[in-house]
C-alpha atoms as a PDB file:
ATOM      1  CA  MET A   1      68.658 161.934  72.043  1.00  0.00           C
ATOM      2  CA  THR A   2      67.368 162.542  68.585  1.00  0.00           C
ATOM      3  CA  THR A   3      66.368 159.938  66.081  1.00  0.00           C
ATOM      4  CA  SER A   4      69.090 160.962  63.723  1.00  0.00           C
ATOM      5  CA  SER A   5      71.803 160.716  66.380  1.00  0.00           C
ATOM      6  CA  CYS A   6      70.588 157.393  67.744  1.00  0.00           C
ATOM      7  CA  ASN A   7      70.423 154.735  65.047  1.00  0.00           C
ATOM      8  CA  ASN A   8      72.632 151.983  66.382  1.00  0.00           C
ATOM      9  CA  LYS A   9      71.568 148.582  67.673  1.00  0.00           C
ATOM     10  CA  ASN A  10      71.404 149.646  71.380  1.00  0.00           C
ATOM     11  CA  CYS A  11      69.044 152.519  70.576  1.00  0.00           C
ATOM     12  CA  ASP A  12      66.842 150.153  68.514  1.00  0.00           C
ATOM     13  CA  ILE A  13      66.493 147.952  71.652  1.00  0.00           C
ATOM     14  CA  LEU A  14      65.642 150.932  73.929  1.00  0.00           C
ATOM     15  CA  LEU A  15      63.194 152.390  71.390  1.00  0.00           C
ATOM     16  CA  TRP A  16      61.348 149.010  71.085  1.00  0.00           C
ATOM     17  CA  LYS A  17      61.760 148.837  67.337  1.00  0.00           C
ATOM     18  CA  ASN A  18      61.804 145.043  67.736  1.00  0.00           C
ATOM     19  CA  PRO A  19      59.441 144.385  70.670  1.00  0.00           C
ATOM     20  CA  VAL A  20      60.486 140.746  71.066  1.00  0.00           C
ATOM     21  CA  GLN A  21      64.186 141.562  71.242  1.00  0.00           C
ATOM     22  CA  SER A  22      63.606 144.508  73.568  1.00  0.00           C
ATOM     23  CA  GLY A  23      61.385 142.364  75.804  1.00  0.00           C
ATOM     24  CA  LYS A  24      64.144 139.766  76.047  1.00  0.00           C
ATOM     25  CA  PHE A  25      66.722 142.310  77.080  1.00  0.00           C
ATOM     26  CA  LEU A  26      64.353 143.869  79.590  1.00  0.00           C
ATOM     27  CA  GLY A  27      63.506 140.489  81.072  1.00  0.00           C
ATOM     28  CA  ALA A  28      67.236 139.578  81.245  1.00  0.00           C
ATOM     29  CA  ALA A  29      68.053 142.845  83.010  1.00  0.00           C
ATOM     30  CA  LEU A  30      65.258 142.332  85.540  1.00  0.00           C
ATOM     31  CA  LEU A  31      66.414 138.729  86.145  1.00  0.00           C
ATOM     32  CA  VAL A  32      69.940 139.955  86.810  1.00  0.00           C
ATOM     33  CA  ILE A  33      68.597 142.535  89.301  1.00  0.00           C
ATOM     34  CA  ILE A  34      66.647 139.811  91.122  1.00  0.00           C
ATOM     35  CA  ILE A  35      69.757 137.569  91.249  1.00  0.00           C
ATOM     36  CA  ILE A  36      71.902 140.440  92.548  1.00  0.00           C
ATOM     37  CA  LYS A  37      69.335 141.265  95.207  1.00  0.00           C
ATOM     38  CA  ASN A  38      68.966 137.690  96.475  1.00  0.00           C
ATOM     39  CA  LEU A  39      72.386 136.155  95.870  1.00  0.00           C
ATOM     40  CA  LYS A  40      75.097 136.524  98.529  1.00  0.00           C
ATOM     41  CA  PHE A  41      78.697 135.564  98.478  1.00  0.00           C
ATOM     42  CA  THR A  42      78.033 132.832 101.093  1.00  0.00           C
ATOM     43  CA  HIS A  43      75.382 131.395  98.812  1.00  0.00           C
ATOM     44  CA  ILE A  44      77.965 131.034  96.045  1.00  0.00           C
ATOM     45  CA  LEU A  45      80.462 129.351  98.418  1.00  0.00           C
ATOM     46  CA  SER A  46      77.699 127.091  99.671  1.00  0.00           C
ATOM     47  CA  LEU A  47      76.748 126.023  96.151  1.00  0.00           C
ATOM     48  CA  ILE A  48      80.435 125.293  95.269  1.00  0.00           C
ATOM     49  CA  TYR A  49      81.107 123.094  98.293  1.00  0.00           C
ATOM     50  CA  LYS A  50      77.780 121.227  97.972  1.00  0.00           C
ATOM     51  CA  ALA A  51      78.528 120.509  94.285  1.00  0.00           C
ATOM     52  CA  ALA A  52      82.109 119.486  95.141  1.00  0.00           C
ATOM     53  CA  PHE A  53      80.993 117.059  97.851  1.00  0.00           C
ATOM     54  CA  THR A  54      78.356 115.598  95.612  1.00  0.00           C
ATOM     55  CA  PHE A  55      80.700 115.092  92.693  1.00  0.00           C
ATOM     56  CA  ALA A  56      83.326 113.576  94.893  1.00  0.00           C
ATOM     57  CA  LEU A  57      80.821 111.126  96.432  1.00  0.00           C
ATOM     58  CA  VAL A  58      79.430 110.115  92.983  1.00  0.00           C
ATOM     59  CA  ASN A  59      82.976 109.564  91.629  1.00  0.00           C
ATOM     60  CA  ILE A  60      83.954 107.357  94.678  1.00  0.00           C
ATOM     61  CA  ILE A  61      80.857 105.260  94.342  1.00  0.00           C
ATOM     62  CA  SER A  62      81.014 104.966  90.540  1.00  0.00           C
ATOM     63  CA  ALA A  63      84.746 104.017  90.681  1.00  0.00           C
ATOM     64  CA  LYS A  64      83.892 101.081  92.958  1.00  0.00           C
ATOM     65  CA  VAL A  65      80.788  99.990  91.082  1.00  0.00           C
ATOM     66  CA  VAL A  66      81.435 100.544  87.373  1.00  0.00           C
ATOM     67  CA  LYS A  67      85.220 100.958  87.595  1.00  0.00           C
ATOM     68  CA  TYR A  68      85.309 104.560  86.282  1.00  0.00           C
ATOM     69  CA  GLN A  69      84.522 107.995  87.624  1.00  0.00           C
ATOM     70  CA  ALA A  70      81.133 108.942  86.209  1.00  0.00           C
ATOM     71  CA  ILE A  71      81.402 112.716  86.889  1.00  0.00           C
ATOM     72  CA  THR A  72      84.830 112.943  85.308  1.00  0.00           C
ATOM     73  CA  LYS A  73      83.697 110.989  82.280  1.00  0.00           C
ATOM     74  CA  TYR A  74      80.248 112.436  81.582  1.00  0.00           C
ATOM     75  CA  VAL A  75      79.917 115.771  83.425  1.00  0.00           C
ATOM     76  CA  GLN A  76      83.318 117.427  83.417  1.00  0.00           C
ATOM     77  CA  PRO A  77      83.790 119.807  80.441  1.00  0.00           C
ATOM     78  CA  SER A  78      86.559 118.818  78.018  1.00  0.00           C
ATOM     79  CA  LYS A  79      87.805 122.431  77.877  1.00  0.00           C
ATOM     80  CA  CYS A  80      87.935 125.441  80.195  1.00  0.00           C
ATOM     81  CA  PRO A  81      85.980 128.552  79.139  1.00  0.00           C
ATOM     82  CA  ASN A  82      88.214 130.869  77.129  1.00  0.00           C
ATOM     83  CA  ILE A  83      87.963 133.782  79.564  1.00  0.00           C
ATOM     84  CA  VAL A  84      91.245 135.287  78.380  1.00  0.00           C
ATOM     85  CA  GLY A  85      90.119 135.277  74.782  1.00  0.00           C
ATOM     86  CA  PHE A  86      86.856 136.985  75.753  1.00  0.00           C
ATOM     87  CA  ALA A  87      88.354 139.561  78.141  1.00  0.00           C
ATOM     88  CA  LYS A  88      91.627 140.355  76.397  1.00  0.00           C
ATOM     89  CA  PRO A  89      90.287 142.357  73.396  1.00  0.00           C
ATOM     90  CA  ARG A  90      88.046 144.377  75.708  1.00  0.00           C
ATOM     91  CA  ILE A  91      90.888 145.168  78.177  1.00  0.00           C
ATOM     92  CA  ASP A  92      93.157 146.099  75.237  1.00  0.00           C
ATOM     93  CA  ASN A  93      90.507 148.465  73.859  1.00  0.00           C
ATOM     94  CA  PHE A  94      90.090 150.010  77.306  1.00  0.00           C
ATOM     95  CA  LEU A  95      93.805 150.539  77.685  1.00  0.00           C
ATOM     96  CA  VAL A  96      94.037 152.180  74.278  1.00  0.00           C
ATOM     97  CA  ASN A  97      91.337 154.651  75.282  1.00  0.00           C
ATOM     98  CA  LEU A  98      92.524 155.082  78.868  1.00  0.00           C
ATOM     99  CA  PRO A  99      94.655 158.248  78.216  1.00  0.00           C
ATOM    100  CA  ALA A 100      91.539 159.944  76.726  1.00  0.00           C
ATOM    101  CA  TYR A 101      89.541 158.970  79.806  1.00  0.00           C
ATOM    102  CA  GLN A 102      92.295 160.305  82.075  1.00  0.00           C
ATOM    103  CA  LEU A 103      92.353 163.627  80.242  1.00  0.00           C
ATOM    104  CA  LYS A 104      88.565 163.965  80.457  1.00  0.00           C
ATOM    105  CA  PHE A 105      88.708 163.223  84.188  1.00  0.00           C
ATOM    106  CA  ARG A 106      91.521 165.674  84.764  1.00  0.00           C
ATOM    107  CA  THR A 107      89.724 168.468  82.910  1.00  0.00           C
ATOM    108  CA  PHE A 108      86.546 167.715  84.883  1.00  0.00           C
ATOM    109  CA  LEU A 109      88.143 167.460  88.310  1.00  0.00           C
ATOM    110  CA  PHE A 110      90.286 170.650  87.995  1.00  0.00           C
ATOM    111  CA  ALA A 111      87.381 172.601  86.447  1.00  0.00           C
ATOM    112  CA  GLU A 112      88.875 173.487  83.106  1.00  0.00           C
ATOM    113  CA  ASN A 113      85.308 174.136  82.068  1.00  0.00           C
ATOM    114  CA  PRO A 114      83.655 175.253  85.346  1.00  0.00           C
ATOM    115  CA  PHE A 115      80.073 174.930  84.119  1.00  0.00           C
ATOM    116  CA  HIS A 116      80.613 171.364  82.871  1.00  0.00           C
ATOM    117  CA  THR A 117      82.290 170.465  86.185  1.00  0.00           C
ATOM    118  CA  ILE A 118      79.329 171.856  88.121  1.00  0.00           C
ATOM    119  CA  LYS A 119      76.923 169.808  86.024  1.00  0.00           C
ATOM    120  CA  VAL A 120      78.843 166.568  86.538  1.00  0.00           C
ATOM    121  CA  ALA A 121      79.412 167.272  90.263  1.00  0.00           C
ATOM    122  CA  SER A 122      75.709 167.995  90.716  1.00  0.00           C
ATOM    123  CA  ALA A 123      74.856 164.635  89.078  1.00  0.00           C
ATOM    124  CA  LEU A 124      77.321 162.832  91.388  1.00  0.00           C
ATOM    125  CA  PHE A 125      75.741 164.609  94.331  1.00  0.00           C
ATOM    126  CA  ILE A 126      72.289 163.359  93.312  1.00  0.00           C
ATOM    127  CA  ILE A 127      73.671 159.816  92.814  1.00  0.00           C
ATOM    128  CA  VAL A 128      75.217 159.811  96.295  1.00  0.00           C
ATOM    129  CA  LYS A 129      71.951 161.020  97.854  1.00  0.00           C
ATOM    130  CA  LEU A 130      70.028 158.319  95.979  1.00  0.00           C
ATOM    131  CA  LEU A 131      72.495 155.630  97.110  1.00  0.00           C
ATOM    132  CA  ASN A 132      72.105 156.785 100.710  1.00  0.00           C
ATOM    133  CA  ALA A 133      68.270 156.785 100.453  1.00  0.00           C
ATOM    134  CA  LEU A 134      67.690 153.779  98.275  1.00  0.00           C
ATOM    135  CA  SER A 135      69.265 150.309  97.916  1.00  0.00           C
ATOM    136  CA  PHE A 136      71.570 149.594  95.019  1.00  0.00           C
ATOM    137  CA  THR A 137      69.162 147.143  93.470  1.00  0.00           C
ATOM    138  CA  THR A 138      66.287 149.654  93.735  1.00  0.00           C
ATOM    139  CA  ILE A 139      68.361 152.174  91.841  1.00  0.00           C
ATOM    140  CA  LEU A 140      69.247 149.516  89.239  1.00  0.00           C
ATOM    141  CA  LEU A 141      65.553 148.691  88.793  1.00  0.00           C
ATOM    142  CA  ILE A 142      64.584 152.344  88.409  1.00  0.00           C
ATOM    143  CA  GLY A 143      67.453 152.850  85.914  1.00  0.00           C
ATOM    144  CA  VAL A 144      66.464 149.805  83.826  1.00  0.00           C
ATOM    145  CA  LEU A 145      62.766 150.800  83.724  1.00  0.00           C
ATOM    146  CA  ALA A 146      63.755 154.377  82.825  1.00  0.00           C
ATOM    147  CA  ALA A 147      66.101 153.171  80.095  1.00  0.00           C
ATOM    148  CA  PHE A 148      63.373 151.111  78.475  1.00  0.00           C
ATOM    149  CA  SER A 149      60.596 153.737  78.815  1.00  0.00           C
ATOM    150  CA  LEU A 150      61.996 157.299  78.687  1.00  0.00           C
ATOM    151  CA  PRO A 151      63.696 157.054  75.250  1.00  0.00           C
ATOM    152  CA  LEU A 152      60.492 155.754  73.699  1.00  0.00           C
ATOM    153  CA  ALA A 153      58.398 158.453  75.400  1.00  0.00           C
ATOM    154  CA  TYR A 154      60.874 161.100  74.280  1.00  0.00           C
ATOM    155  CA  THR A 155      60.871 160.100  70.627  1.00  0.00           C
ATOM    156  CA  LYS A 156      57.053 160.072  70.580  1.00  0.00           C
ATOM    157  CA  ASN A 157      56.887 163.566  72.190  1.00  0.00           C
ATOM    158  CA  GLN A 158      60.161 165.007  70.971  1.00  0.00           C
ATOM    159  CA  LYS A 159      58.913 168.355  69.728  1.00  0.00           C
ATOM    160  CA  VAL A 160      56.948 169.050  72.896  1.00  0.00           C
ATOM    161  CA  VAL A 161      59.807 167.998  75.201  1.00  0.00           C
ATOM    162  CA  ASP A 162      62.402 170.051  73.230  1.00  0.00           C
ATOM    163  CA  ALA A 163      60.123 173.095  73.296  1.00  0.00           C
ATOM    164  CA  HIS A 164      59.675 172.864  77.079  1.00  0.00           C
ATOM    165  CA  ALA A 165      63.450 172.244  77.597  1.00  0.00           C
ATOM    166  CA  ALA A 166      64.302 175.310  75.536  1.00  0.00           C
ATOM    167  CA  LYS A 167      61.715 177.348  77.418  1.00  0.00           C
ATOM    168  CA  TYR A 168      63.020 176.440  80.880  1.00  0.00           C
ATOM    169  CA  TYR A 169      66.658 176.815  79.731  1.00  0.00           C
ATOM    170  CA  LYS A 170      65.971 180.343  78.526  1.00  0.00           C
ATOM    171  CA  LEU A 171      64.136 181.109  81.767  1.00  0.00           C
ATOM    172  CA  ALA A 172      67.100 179.905  83.802  1.00  0.00           C
ATOM    173  CA  VAL A 173      69.579 181.932  81.716  1.00  0.00           C
ATOM    174  CA  ASP A 174      67.398 185.036  82.080  1.00  0.00           C
ATOM    175  CA  LYS A 175      67.268 184.592  85.851  1.00  0.00           C
ATOM    176  CA  LEU A 176      71.014 184.166  86.078  1.00  0.00           C
ATOM    177  CA  GLU A 177      71.604 187.220  83.965  1.00  0.00           C
ATOM    178  CA  ALA A 178      69.303 189.255  86.185  1.00  0.00           C
ATOM    179  CA  SER A 179      71.020 188.036  89.326  1.00  0.00           C
ATOM    180  CA  PRO A 180      74.124 189.525  90.994  1.00  0.00           C
ATOM    181  CA  LEU A 181      76.136 186.546  89.609  1.00  0.00           C
ATOM    182  CA  LYS A 182      76.053 187.942  86.041  1.00  0.00           C
ATOM    183  CA  PRO A 183      79.484 189.677  86.143  1.00  0.00           C
ATOM    184  CA  TYR A 184      81.125 186.499  87.550  1.00  0.00           C
ATOM    185  CA  LEU A 185      79.440 184.302  84.879  1.00  0.00           C
ATOM    186  CA  GLU A 186      80.627 186.614  82.124  1.00  0.00           C
ATOM    187  CA  LYS A 187      84.141 186.508  83.542  1.00  0.00           C
ATOM    188  CA  LEU A 188      84.080 182.682  83.641  1.00  0.00           C
ATOM    189  CA  ASN A 189      82.821 182.509  80.078  1.00  0.00           C
ATOM    190  CA  LYS A 190      85.721 184.702  78.933  1.00  0.00           C
ATOM    191  CA  THR A 191      88.356 182.714  80.838  1.00  0.00           C
ATOM    192  CA  THR A 192      87.033 179.240  79.957  1.00  0.00           C
ATOM    193  CA  PRO A 193      89.555 177.703  77.511  1.00  0.00           C
ATOM    194  CA  ALA A 194      88.454 176.408  74.124  1.00  0.00           C
ATOM    195  CA  LYS A 195      87.408 172.750  74.047  1.00  0.00           C
ATOM    196  CA  LYS A 196      90.196 170.423  72.851  1.00  0.00           C
ATOM    197  CA  SER A 197      89.546 168.517  69.712  1.00  0.00           C
ATOM    198  CA  GLU A 198      88.894 164.792  69.844  1.00  0.00           C
ATOM    199  CA  GLU A 199      92.222 164.157  68.206  1.00  0.00           C
ATOM    200  CA  GLU A 200      94.043 165.731  71.109  1.00  0.00           C
ATOM    201  CA  LEU A 201      92.383 163.358  73.533  1.00  0.00           C
ATOM    202  CA  VAL A 202      94.076 160.334  72.013  1.00  0.00           C
ATOM    203  CA  VAL A 203      97.524 160.368  73.640  1.00  0.00           C
ATOM    204  CA  VAL A 204      98.585 156.953  72.435  1.00  0.00           C
ATOM    205  CA  SER A 205      98.756 156.525  68.684  1.00  0.00           C
ATOM    206  CA  GLU A 206      96.686 153.711  67.197  1.00  0.00           C
ATOM    207  CA  SER A 207      99.660 152.015  65.557  1.00  0.00           C
ATOM    208  CA  ALA A 208     101.711 151.991  68.724  1.00  0.00           C
ATOM    209  CA  ALA A 209      98.750 150.782  70.756  1.00  0.00           C
ATOM    210  CA  LYS A 210      97.924 148.094  68.204  1.00  0.00           C
ATOM    211  CA  THR A 211     101.524 146.872  68.137  1.00  0.00           C
ATOM    212  CA  THR A 212     101.612 146.747  71.922  1.00  0.00           C
ATOM    213  CA  ALA A 213      98.296 144.947  72.112  1.00  0.00           C
ATOM    214  CA  GLU A 214      99.410 142.410  69.503  1.00  0.00           C
ATOM    215  CA  ASP A 215     102.616 141.699  71.406  1.00  0.00           C
ATOM    216  CA  ILE A 216     100.649 141.192  74.612  1.00  0.00           C
ATOM    217  CA  ASN A 217      98.104 139.007  72.853  1.00  0.00           C
ATOM    218  CA  ALA A 218     100.779 136.822  71.362  1.00  0.00           C
ATOM    219  CA  LYS A 219     102.471 136.258  74.732  1.00  0.00           C
ATOM    220  CA  ILE A 220      99.162 135.463  76.466  1.00  0.00           C
ATOM    221  CA  ASP A 221      98.080 133.141  73.680  1.00  0.00           C
ATOM    222  CA  THR A 222     101.416 131.268  73.905  1.00  0.00           C
ATOM    223  CA  ALA A 223     101.143 130.964  77.690  1.00  0.00           C
ATOM    224  CA  THR A 224      97.515 129.873  77.781  1.00  0.00           C
ATOM    225  CA  SER A 225      97.003 127.807  74.622  1.00  0.00           C
ATOM    226  CA  THR A 226      97.750 124.533  76.317  1.00  0.00           C
ATOM    227  CA  ALA A 227      95.860 125.395  79.462  1.00  0.00           C
ATOM    228  CA  PHE A 228      92.489 125.581  77.735  1.00  0.00           C
ATOM    229  CA  GLU A 229      92.930 121.993  76.547  1.00  0.00           C
ATOM    230  CA  LYS A 230      93.329 120.694  80.073  1.00  0.00           C
END
């Protein structure tokens, strides 16, 4: 990750260019991990039925005392959260890019580029071993701390890290070339097909996808516009 290739808002957060904002995101991420670790599905159900019993009891008492239901009048929101409006654009965007994801997965799984497949499969192997050895929340914690520390450390020591990476990469290549695997590696390099352009990855045209998404959006808006007011 070089500075020139990482200049968006997410990189600014991970590189601590605004310490206050980065601290807020780090604190929020740690809070989410704590909630995930301690919250169980039974806790959620318990919270719901306790709130429901409490609200029902308050409404019954208030209806007899002040002649109206206090929870319904003062606590109940006037509108439902617009979950469809929030989720729909993101789902549409995912569906537009789904053919490209499918193509990437197919080329990975069937080893169109064997070396790339080996790299990804090795990463998945390490992830599986970590999941077996550590809890999910522990891995999340390590990932969050690494995300908020390694990019900053890399940018401050970029030249040294790149030099060592190039050194060990060259050492690994030299060892492979000196090993009995060299003829097979050369054969794989010759038979590996050329990488497809990014344009070929997009199977669905943008105009067709946009039209389809707009039609879906219009139908969902029509069906749910009155529901949000209730």
